[in-house]
Amino acid sequence: MHPYCDCSINMEKCAIPHYYLHNDLSFPSCSPLHSRIRSHNKMCWGDWSPTSTTFAKVRGCPEKLTLSASQVQAESLTLKWQGQDGCSPIYNYKVEIKRPGDAFRDLLGTGTIFTATEYRVTSLECGENYEFRARAENKICPGRYSEHVFVRTSPC
């Protein structure tokens, strides 16, 4: 320790007007937060405290979903999606459909939201191309859309 930091010599200079907190902010959501603290008075900096691990969760948007299509038939297919919640529970999923030349729209055309992670899409046209995307929503915000899934239904 620097001699000027010795409070037995000069108590006036030992007032600690500032504390500094150091966090490693390069952590993914839901991981532990590691931090250190140190003080600064008029004369010098104090030593860093030992690293402390805090297990408080950092809430954020849901992660981007992984979307897949299976059981593709002439007029139907099954969509499945999965993802992480961003430390705030997911309360619904939004699934959208698009045909070539069209814009994305809600899968059922009614602003329908899903609470399950699988849905059997019916009433498709045989031999046609479709594009799907999905995203999760929690109380914090909506997540990013999944990668698009391109599907061609079976021929008639």
N, C-alpha and C. Protein backbone atom coordinates (compact mmCIF):
# COMPACT_ATOMS: atom_id res chain seq x y z
N MET A 1 0.84 -1.17 0.00
CA MET A 1 0.00 0.00 0.00
C MET A 1 0.89 1.24 0.00
N HIS A 2 0.49 2.25 -0.70
CA HIS A 2 1.21 3.51 -0.76
C HIS A 2 1.12 4.19 0.61
N PRO A 3 2.21 4.83 1.11
CA PRO A 3 2.17 5.43 2.46
C PRO A 3 1.09 6.50 2.60
N TYR A 4 0.73 7.20 1.54
CA TYR A 4 -0.29 8.24 1.65
C TYR A 4 -1.67 7.64 1.88
N CYS A 5 -1.81 6.35 1.66
CA CYS A 5 -3.11 5.70 1.88
C CYS A 5 -3.26 5.19 3.30
N ASP A 6 -2.26 5.38 4.12
CA ASP A 6 -2.31 4.92 5.50
C ASP A 6 -3.15 5.90 6.31
N CYS A 7 -4.33 5.49 6.72
CA CYS A 7 -5.25 6.38 7.43
C CYS A 7 -4.76 6.75 8.81
N SER A 8 -3.79 6.05 9.36
CA SER A 8 -3.26 6.42 10.68
C SER A 8 -2.44 7.71 10.57
N ILE A 9 -2.01 8.09 9.36
CA ILE A 9 -1.21 9.30 9.17
C ILE A 9 -2.12 10.51 8.95
N ASN A 10 -3.13 10.38 8.11
CA ASN A 10 -3.98 11.52 7.78
C ASN A 10 -5.42 11.08 7.58
N MET A 11 -6.25 11.16 8.61
CA MET A 11 -7.63 10.69 8.54
C MET A 11 -8.48 11.51 7.55
N GLU A 12 -8.17 12.80 7.38
CA GLU A 12 -8.95 13.65 6.49
C GLU A 12 -8.93 13.12 5.06
N LYS A 13 -7.80 12.62 4.65
CA LYS A 13 -7.66 12.15 3.29
C LYS A 13 -8.20 10.73 3.09
N CYS A 14 -8.72 10.12 4.15
CA CYS A 14 -9.21 8.75 4.04
C CYS A 14 -10.70 8.66 3.77
N ALA A 15 -11.37 9.78 3.61
CA ALA A 15 -12.78 9.73 3.24
C ALA A 15 -12.88 9.04 1.88
N ILE A 16 -13.82 8.16 1.74
CA ILE A 16 -13.95 7.40 0.49
C ILE A 16 -15.19 7.89 -0.25
N PRO A 17 -15.01 8.85 -1.17
CA PRO A 17 -16.17 9.40 -1.87
C PRO A 17 -16.69 8.52 -3.01
N HIS A 18 -15.91 7.57 -3.48
CA HIS A 18 -16.31 6.79 -4.64
C HIS A 18 -16.00 5.31 -4.46
N TYR A 19 -16.91 4.49 -4.95
CA TYR A 19 -16.67 3.06 -5.06
C TYR A 19 -16.81 2.71 -6.53
N TYR A 20 -16.00 1.85 -6.99
CA TYR A 20 -16.05 1.45 -8.39
C TYR A 20 -16.34 -0.04 -8.47
N LEU A 21 -17.28 -0.38 -9.31
CA LEU A 21 -17.67 -1.77 -9.49
C LEU A 21 -17.21 -2.22 -10.86
N HIS A 22 -16.55 -3.35 -10.91
CA HIS A 22 -16.08 -3.90 -12.18
C HIS A 22 -16.85 -5.17 -12.48
N ASN A 23 -17.49 -5.20 -13.62
CA ASN A 23 -18.23 -6.40 -14.05
C ASN A 23 -17.69 -6.85 -15.39
N ASP A 24 -17.65 -8.15 -15.57
CA ASP A 24 -17.37 -8.71 -16.88
C ASP A 24 -18.69 -8.75 -17.62
N LEU A 25 -18.91 -7.81 -18.52
CA LEU A 25 -20.21 -7.69 -19.19
C LEU A 25 -20.32 -8.55 -20.45
N SER A 26 -19.35 -9.38 -20.69
CA SER A 26 -19.41 -10.23 -21.88
C SER A 26 -19.97 -11.61 -21.52
N PHE A 27 -21.10 -11.63 -20.85
CA PHE A 27 -21.68 -12.91 -20.45
C PHE A 27 -23.04 -13.07 -21.12
N PRO A 28 -23.42 -14.30 -21.43
CA PRO A 28 -24.75 -14.52 -22.01
C PRO A 28 -25.80 -14.40 -20.91
N SER A 29 -27.03 -14.10 -21.31
CA SER A 29 -28.09 -14.01 -20.30
C SER A 29 -28.24 -15.34 -19.60
N CYS A 30 -28.67 -15.30 -18.38
CA CYS A 30 -28.87 -16.46 -17.50
C CYS A 30 -27.59 -17.02 -16.92
N SER A 31 -26.47 -16.36 -17.10
CA SER A 31 -25.23 -16.88 -16.53
C SER A 31 -24.88 -16.08 -15.28
N PRO A 32 -24.01 -16.62 -14.44
CA PRO A 32 -23.61 -15.88 -13.23
C PRO A 32 -22.86 -14.61 -13.59
N LEU A 33 -22.96 -13.61 -12.74
CA LEU A 33 -22.27 -12.34 -12.92
C LEU A 33 -21.09 -12.32 -11.94
N HIS A 34 -19.90 -12.09 -12.45
CA HIS A 34 -18.69 -12.03 -11.63
C HIS A 34 -18.30 -10.56 -11.48
N SER A 35 -18.10 -10.10 -10.24
CA SER A 35 -17.79 -8.69 -10.05
C SER A 35 -16.73 -8.50 -8.96
N ARG A 36 -16.07 -7.33 -9.02
CA ARG A 36 -15.09 -6.92 -8.01
C ARG A 36 -15.40 -5.47 -7.67
N ILE A 37 -14.98 -5.02 -6.51
CA ILE A 37 -15.21 -3.64 -6.11
C ILE A 37 -13.93 -3.07 -5.50
N ARG A 38 -13.74 -1.76 -5.65
CA ARG A 38 -12.61 -1.10 -4.98
C ARG A 38 -13.00 0.34 -4.71
N SER A 39 -12.33 0.95 -3.78
CA SER A 39 -12.65 2.32 -3.38
C SER A 39 -11.57 3.27 -3.87
N HIS A 40 -11.93 4.55 -3.85
CA HIS A 40 -11.00 5.60 -4.24
C HIS A 40 -11.23 6.77 -3.31
N ASN A 41 -10.15 7.26 -2.68
CA ASN A 41 -10.29 8.46 -1.86
C ASN A 41 -9.47 9.57 -2.50
N LYS A 42 -9.24 10.67 -1.76
CA LYS A 42 -8.52 11.80 -2.34
C LYS A 42 -7.07 11.49 -2.68
N MET A 43 -6.53 10.45 -2.06
CA MET A 43 -5.11 10.16 -2.25
C MET A 43 -4.83 9.04 -3.24
N CYS A 44 -5.64 8.00 -3.20
CA CYS A 44 -5.26 6.84 -4.00
C CYS A 44 -6.41 5.87 -4.15
N TRP A 45 -6.13 4.86 -4.94
CA TRP A 45 -7.07 3.77 -5.14
C TRP A 45 -6.80 2.69 -4.11
N GLY A 46 -7.87 2.04 -3.67
CA GLY A 46 -7.72 0.87 -2.81
C GLY A 46 -7.51 -0.36 -3.68
N ASP A 47 -7.28 -1.47 -3.03
CA ASP A 47 -7.11 -2.72 -3.76
C ASP A 47 -8.47 -3.24 -4.21
N TRP A 48 -8.44 -4.04 -5.28
CA TRP A 48 -9.66 -4.70 -5.73
C TRP A 48 -10.06 -5.77 -4.72
N SER A 49 -11.35 -5.91 -4.51
CA SER A 49 -11.84 -6.98 -3.66
C SER A 49 -11.68 -8.30 -4.40
N PRO A 50 -11.78 -9.42 -3.70
CA PRO A 50 -11.80 -10.70 -4.40
C PRO A 50 -13.04 -10.75 -5.31
N THR A 51 -12.94 -11.52 -6.36
CA THR A 51 -14.06 -11.65 -7.28
C THR A 51 -15.22 -12.35 -6.57
N SER A 52 -16.38 -11.78 -6.75
CA SER A 52 -17.60 -12.33 -6.15
C SER A 52 -18.51 -12.79 -7.27
N THR A 53 -19.16 -13.91 -7.08
CA THR A 53 -20.07 -14.42 -8.08
C THR A 53 -21.50 -14.19 -7.62
N THR A 54 -22.25 -13.51 -8.43
CA THR A 54 -23.65 -13.25 -8.15
C THR A 54 -24.48 -14.12 -9.09
N PHE A 55 -25.46 -14.77 -8.57
CA PHE A 55 -26.25 -15.65 -9.41
C PHE A 55 -27.57 -15.04 -9.82
N ALA A 56 -27.66 -13.72 -9.78
CA ALA A 56 -28.87 -13.06 -10.25
C ALA A 56 -28.96 -13.23 -11.76
N LYS A 57 -30.15 -13.47 -12.23
CA LYS A 57 -30.34 -13.64 -13.67
C LYS A 57 -30.52 -12.29 -14.34
N VAL A 58 -29.97 -12.16 -15.51
CA VAL A 58 -30.14 -10.97 -16.32
C VAL A 58 -31.24 -11.28 -17.32
N ARG A 59 -32.35 -10.61 -17.18
CA ARG A 59 -33.50 -10.93 -18.03
C ARG A 59 -33.34 -10.25 -19.38
N GLY A 60 -33.79 -10.95 -20.40
CA GLY A 60 -33.70 -10.41 -21.74
C GLY A 60 -34.72 -11.05 -22.65
N CYS A 61 -34.58 -10.76 -23.91
CA CYS A 61 -35.49 -11.32 -24.92
C CYS A 61 -35.18 -12.80 -25.11
N PRO A 62 -36.17 -13.56 -25.55
CA PRO A 62 -35.90 -14.97 -25.85
C PRO A 62 -34.87 -15.11 -26.96
N GLU A 63 -34.15 -16.20 -26.93
CA GLU A 63 -33.18 -16.49 -27.98
C GLU A 63 -33.92 -16.79 -29.29
N LYS A 64 -33.18 -16.69 -30.40
CA LYS A 64 -33.77 -17.02 -31.70
C LYS A 64 -34.13 -18.49 -31.71
N LEU A 65 -35.33 -18.80 -32.19
CA LEU A 65 -35.82 -20.18 -32.23
C LEU A 65 -35.15 -20.98 -33.33
N THR A 66 -35.14 -22.29 -33.15
CA THR A 66 -34.78 -23.23 -34.20
C THR A 66 -36.10 -23.80 -34.71
N LEU A 67 -36.37 -23.62 -35.98
CA LEU A 67 -37.63 -24.05 -36.59
C LEU A 67 -37.35 -25.16 -37.58
N SER A 68 -38.21 -26.18 -37.60
CA SER A 68 -38.04 -27.27 -38.57
C SER A 68 -39.41 -27.73 -39.07
N ALA A 69 -39.41 -28.31 -40.25
CA ALA A 69 -40.63 -28.87 -40.85
C ALA A 69 -40.40 -30.36 -41.08
N SER A 70 -41.44 -31.14 -40.84
CA SER A 70 -41.36 -32.59 -41.05
C SER A 70 -42.72 -33.10 -41.52
N GLN A 71 -42.77 -34.38 -41.85
CA GLN A 71 -44.01 -35.04 -42.29
C GLN A 71 -44.71 -34.23 -43.39
N VAL A 72 -43.92 -33.79 -44.37
CA VAL A 72 -44.46 -32.98 -45.46
C VAL A 72 -45.27 -33.88 -46.39
N GLN A 73 -46.52 -33.51 -46.60
CA GLN A 73 -47.41 -34.24 -47.50
C GLN A 73 -47.97 -33.27 -48.52
N ALA A 74 -48.94 -33.72 -49.32
CA ALA A 74 -49.49 -32.88 -50.39
C ALA A 74 -50.20 -31.63 -49.84
N GLU A 75 -50.89 -31.76 -48.73
CA GLU A 75 -51.67 -30.63 -48.22
C GLU A 75 -51.40 -30.30 -46.75
N SER A 76 -50.34 -30.86 -46.19
CA SER A 76 -50.05 -30.60 -44.79
C SER A 76 -48.58 -30.85 -44.46
N LEU A 77 -48.18 -30.37 -43.30
CA LEU A 77 -46.83 -30.60 -42.77
C LEU A 77 -46.85 -30.28 -41.28
N THR A 78 -45.80 -30.69 -40.58
CA THR A 78 -45.69 -30.41 -39.15
C THR A 78 -44.52 -29.46 -38.93
N LEU A 79 -44.79 -28.37 -38.19
CA LEU A 79 -43.74 -27.43 -37.79
C LEU A 79 -43.42 -27.66 -36.32
N LYS A 80 -42.12 -27.61 -36.00
CA LYS A 80 -41.67 -27.71 -34.61
C LYS A 80 -40.65 -26.60 -34.38
N TRP A 81 -40.65 -26.05 -33.17
CA TRP A 81 -39.68 -25.01 -32.83
C TRP A 81 -39.22 -25.17 -31.40
N GLN A 82 -38.00 -24.68 -31.15
CA GLN A 82 -37.44 -24.71 -29.80
C GLN A 82 -36.47 -23.56 -29.63
N GLY A 83 -36.26 -23.17 -28.38
CA GLY A 83 -35.34 -22.08 -28.09
C GLY A 83 -35.25 -21.82 -26.60
N GLN A 84 -34.39 -20.87 -26.22
CA GLN A 84 -34.20 -20.51 -24.82
C GLN A 84 -35.04 -19.29 -24.48
N ASP A 85 -35.39 -19.17 -23.21
CA ASP A 85 -36.35 -18.15 -22.79
C ASP A 85 -35.78 -16.77 -22.45
N GLY A 86 -34.48 -16.59 -22.38
CA GLY A 86 -33.93 -15.28 -22.02
C GLY A 86 -34.14 -14.94 -20.55
N CYS A 87 -34.33 -15.95 -19.70
CA CYS A 87 -34.52 -15.81 -18.25
C CYS A 87 -35.85 -15.19 -17.85
N SER A 88 -36.75 -15.06 -18.75
CA SER A 88 -38.12 -14.66 -18.45
C SER A 88 -38.99 -15.65 -19.21
N PRO A 89 -39.91 -16.31 -18.54
CA PRO A 89 -40.67 -17.39 -19.20
C PRO A 89 -41.34 -16.96 -20.50
N ILE A 90 -41.28 -17.83 -21.48
CA ILE A 90 -41.95 -17.59 -22.76
C ILE A 90 -43.44 -17.80 -22.53
N TYR A 91 -44.24 -16.84 -22.99
CA TYR A 91 -45.68 -17.01 -22.83
C TYR A 91 -46.39 -17.30 -24.14
N ASN A 92 -45.75 -17.08 -25.28
CA ASN A 92 -46.35 -17.52 -26.53
C ASN A 92 -45.32 -17.48 -27.67
N TYR A 93 -45.75 -18.06 -28.79
CA TYR A 93 -44.94 -18.11 -30.01
C TYR A 93 -45.77 -17.55 -31.15
N LYS A 94 -45.11 -16.86 -32.04
CA LYS A 94 -45.76 -16.35 -33.24
C LYS A 94 -45.17 -17.10 -34.43
N VAL A 95 -46.03 -17.68 -35.27
CA VAL A 95 -45.59 -18.44 -36.43
C VAL A 95 -46.19 -17.78 -37.67
N GLU A 96 -45.35 -17.57 -38.67
CA GLU A 96 -45.80 -16.90 -39.90
C GLU A 96 -45.52 -17.76 -41.13
N ILE A 97 -46.32 -17.53 -42.16
CA ILE A 97 -46.22 -18.27 -43.43
C ILE A 97 -46.11 -17.27 -44.57
N LYS A 98 -45.47 -17.71 -45.64
CA LYS A 98 -45.30 -16.86 -46.83
C LYS A 98 -45.26 -17.75 -48.05
N ARG A 99 -45.90 -17.30 -49.10
CA ARG A 99 -45.79 -17.96 -50.41
C ARG A 99 -44.95 -17.06 -51.30
N PRO A 100 -44.32 -17.60 -52.35
CA PRO A 100 -43.49 -16.76 -53.23
C PRO A 100 -44.27 -15.55 -53.73
N GLY A 101 -43.64 -14.37 -53.63
CA GLY A 101 -44.26 -13.14 -54.09
C GLY A 101 -45.17 -12.47 -53.06
N ASP A 102 -45.46 -13.13 -51.97
CA ASP A 102 -46.32 -12.56 -50.92
C ASP A 102 -45.47 -12.11 -49.74
N ALA A 103 -46.11 -11.38 -48.83
CA ALA A 103 -45.47 -10.98 -47.58
C ALA A 103 -45.79 -12.03 -46.51
N PHE A 104 -44.99 -12.05 -45.45
CA PHE A 104 -45.30 -12.95 -44.35
C PHE A 104 -46.61 -12.53 -43.70
N ARG A 105 -47.39 -13.53 -43.23
CA ARG A 105 -48.63 -13.28 -42.52
C ARG A 105 -48.76 -14.32 -41.41
N ASP A 106 -49.61 -14.05 -40.45
CA ASP A 106 -49.84 -15.02 -39.38
C ASP A 106 -50.27 -16.35 -40.00
N LEU A 107 -49.76 -17.42 -39.45
CA LEU A 107 -50.02 -18.75 -40.01
C LEU A 107 -51.50 -19.02 -40.23
N LEU A 108 -52.33 -18.69 -39.26
CA LEU A 108 -53.76 -18.95 -39.39
C LEU A 108 -54.53 -17.71 -39.84
N GLY A 109 -53.81 -16.62 -40.12
CA GLY A 109 -54.44 -15.42 -40.65
C GLY A 109 -55.28 -14.65 -39.65
N THR A 110 -55.17 -14.94 -38.38
CA THR A 110 -56.03 -14.30 -37.39
C THR A 110 -55.26 -13.70 -36.24
N GLY A 111 -53.96 -13.54 -36.35
CA GLY A 111 -53.15 -13.05 -35.23
C GLY A 111 -52.98 -14.12 -34.16
N THR A 112 -53.16 -15.37 -34.57
CA THR A 112 -53.08 -16.47 -33.62
C THR A 112 -51.68 -16.59 -33.04
N ILE A 113 -51.63 -16.81 -31.74
CA ILE A 113 -50.37 -17.10 -31.08
C ILE A 113 -50.44 -18.53 -30.55
N PHE A 114 -49.30 -19.15 -30.44
CA PHE A 114 -49.22 -20.53 -30.02
C PHE A 114 -48.55 -20.62 -28.66
N THR A 115 -49.00 -21.56 -27.85
CA THR A 115 -48.34 -21.82 -26.57
C THR A 115 -47.59 -23.14 -26.63
N ALA A 116 -47.91 -24.00 -27.59
CA ALA A 116 -47.20 -25.27 -27.78
C ALA A 116 -46.01 -25.03 -28.71
N THR A 117 -45.14 -26.01 -28.84
CA THR A 117 -43.95 -25.87 -29.70
C THR A 117 -44.03 -26.78 -30.92
N GLU A 118 -45.24 -27.14 -31.29
CA GLU A 118 -45.46 -27.97 -32.49
C GLU A 118 -46.86 -27.67 -33.01
N TYR A 119 -46.98 -27.68 -34.34
CA TYR A 119 -48.29 -27.45 -34.94
C TYR A 119 -48.37 -28.16 -36.29
N ARG A 120 -49.48 -28.82 -36.52
CA ARG A 120 -49.74 -29.48 -37.80
C ARG A 120 -50.45 -28.48 -38.71
N VAL A 121 -49.76 -28.06 -39.77
CA VAL A 121 -50.30 -27.09 -40.72
C VAL A 121 -51.09 -27.86 -41.77
N THR A 122 -52.34 -27.48 -41.96
CA THR A 122 -53.20 -28.15 -42.95
C THR A 122 -53.71 -27.13 -43.96
N SER A 123 -54.47 -27.59 -44.91
CA SER A 123 -55.08 -26.74 -45.95
C SER A 123 -54.04 -26.08 -46.85
N LEU A 124 -52.91 -26.74 -47.05
CA LEU A 124 -51.92 -26.25 -48.00
C LEU A 124 -52.27 -26.77 -49.38
N GLU A 125 -51.68 -26.18 -50.39
CA GLU A 125 -51.91 -26.63 -51.76
C GLU A 125 -50.79 -27.57 -52.17
N CYS A 126 -51.15 -28.65 -52.85
CA CYS A 126 -50.15 -29.64 -53.25
C CYS A 126 -49.20 -29.07 -54.30
N GLY A 127 -47.93 -29.46 -54.20
CA GLY A 127 -46.91 -29.05 -55.15
C GLY A 127 -46.52 -27.58 -55.07
N GLU A 128 -46.79 -26.92 -53.98
CA GLU A 128 -46.51 -25.48 -53.85
C GLU A 128 -45.35 -25.23 -52.87
N ASN A 129 -44.69 -24.09 -53.05
CA ASN A 129 -43.60 -23.67 -52.16
C ASN A 129 -44.14 -22.78 -51.05
N TYR A 130 -43.63 -23.02 -49.86
CA TYR A 130 -43.99 -22.22 -48.70
C TYR A 130 -42.73 -21.87 -47.91
N GLU A 131 -42.82 -20.75 -47.19
CA GLU A 131 -41.73 -20.31 -46.33
C GLU A 131 -42.33 -20.01 -44.95
N PHE A 132 -41.65 -20.45 -43.90
CA PHE A 132 -42.14 -20.26 -42.54
C PHE A 132 -41.06 -19.61 -41.68
N ARG A 133 -41.50 -18.89 -40.66
CA ARG A 133 -40.60 -18.37 -39.64
C ARG A 133 -41.39 -18.28 -38.32
N ALA A 134 -40.66 -18.25 -37.20
CA ALA A 134 -41.31 -18.21 -35.89
C ALA A 134 -40.44 -17.42 -34.92
N ARG A 135 -41.08 -16.91 -33.87
CA ARG A 135 -40.34 -16.26 -32.80
C ARG A 135 -41.08 -16.45 -31.48
N ALA A 136 -40.32 -16.40 -30.40
CA ALA A 136 -40.88 -16.52 -29.06
C ALA A 136 -41.08 -15.13 -28.47
N GLU A 137 -42.01 -15.01 -27.53
CA GLU A 137 -42.24 -13.75 -26.85
C GLU A 137 -42.29 -14.01 -25.35
N ASN A 138 -41.62 -13.15 -24.57
CA ASN A 138 -41.75 -13.20 -23.12
C ASN A 138 -42.21 -11.83 -22.65
N LYS A 139 -42.25 -11.60 -21.35
CA LYS A 139 -42.75 -10.32 -20.83
C LYS A 139 -41.79 -9.17 -21.10
N ILE A 140 -40.55 -9.48 -21.40
CA ILE A 140 -39.55 -8.44 -21.66
C ILE A 140 -39.70 -7.91 -23.09
N CYS A 141 -39.74 -8.83 -24.06
CA CYS A 141 -39.81 -8.42 -25.46
C CYS A 141 -39.94 -9.64 -26.37
N PRO A 142 -40.25 -9.44 -27.64
CA PRO A 142 -40.25 -10.56 -28.58
C PRO A 142 -38.82 -10.90 -28.98
N GLY A 143 -38.56 -12.18 -29.21
CA GLY A 143 -37.25 -12.61 -29.68
C GLY A 143 -37.10 -12.37 -31.17
N ARG A 144 -35.92 -12.66 -31.68
CA ARG A 144 -35.68 -12.54 -33.13
C ARG A 144 -36.35 -13.71 -33.84
N TYR A 145 -36.70 -13.49 -35.09
CA TYR A 145 -37.29 -14.57 -35.88
C TYR A 145 -36.27 -15.68 -36.13
N SER A 146 -36.77 -16.88 -36.24
CA SER A 146 -35.94 -18.03 -36.58
C SER A 146 -35.41 -17.88 -38.01
N GLU A 147 -34.48 -18.73 -38.35
CA GLU A 147 -34.09 -18.83 -39.75
C GLU A 147 -35.33 -19.29 -40.52
N HIS A 148 -35.46 -18.87 -41.75
CA HIS A 148 -36.62 -19.26 -42.54
C HIS A 148 -36.51 -20.72 -42.95
N VAL A 149 -37.65 -21.40 -42.96
CA VAL A 149 -37.72 -22.78 -43.40
C VAL A 149 -38.49 -22.80 -44.72
N PHE A 150 -37.88 -23.37 -45.74
CA PHE A 150 -38.50 -23.44 -47.07
C PHE A 150 -38.98 -24.87 -47.30
N VAL A 151 -40.22 -24.99 -47.73
CA VAL A 151 -40.82 -26.30 -47.92
C VAL A 151 -41.61 -26.32 -49.23
N ARG A 152 -41.53 -27.44 -49.92
CA ARG A 152 -42.41 -27.66 -51.09
C ARG A 152 -43.26 -28.86 -50.74
N THR A 153 -44.57 -28.67 -50.80
CA THR A 153 -45.48 -29.77 -50.49
C THR A 153 -45.39 -30.84 -51.58
N SER A 154 -45.79 -32.02 -51.24
CA SER A 154 -45.76 -33.14 -52.20
C SER A 154 -46.68 -32.86 -53.37
N PRO A 155 -46.36 -33.42 -54.55
CA PRO A 155 -47.24 -33.21 -55.71
C PRO A 155 -48.60 -33.87 -55.50
N CYS A 156 -49.57 -33.40 -56.26
CA CYS A 156 -50.94 -33.95 -56.17
C CYS A 156 -51.00 -35.38 -56.70
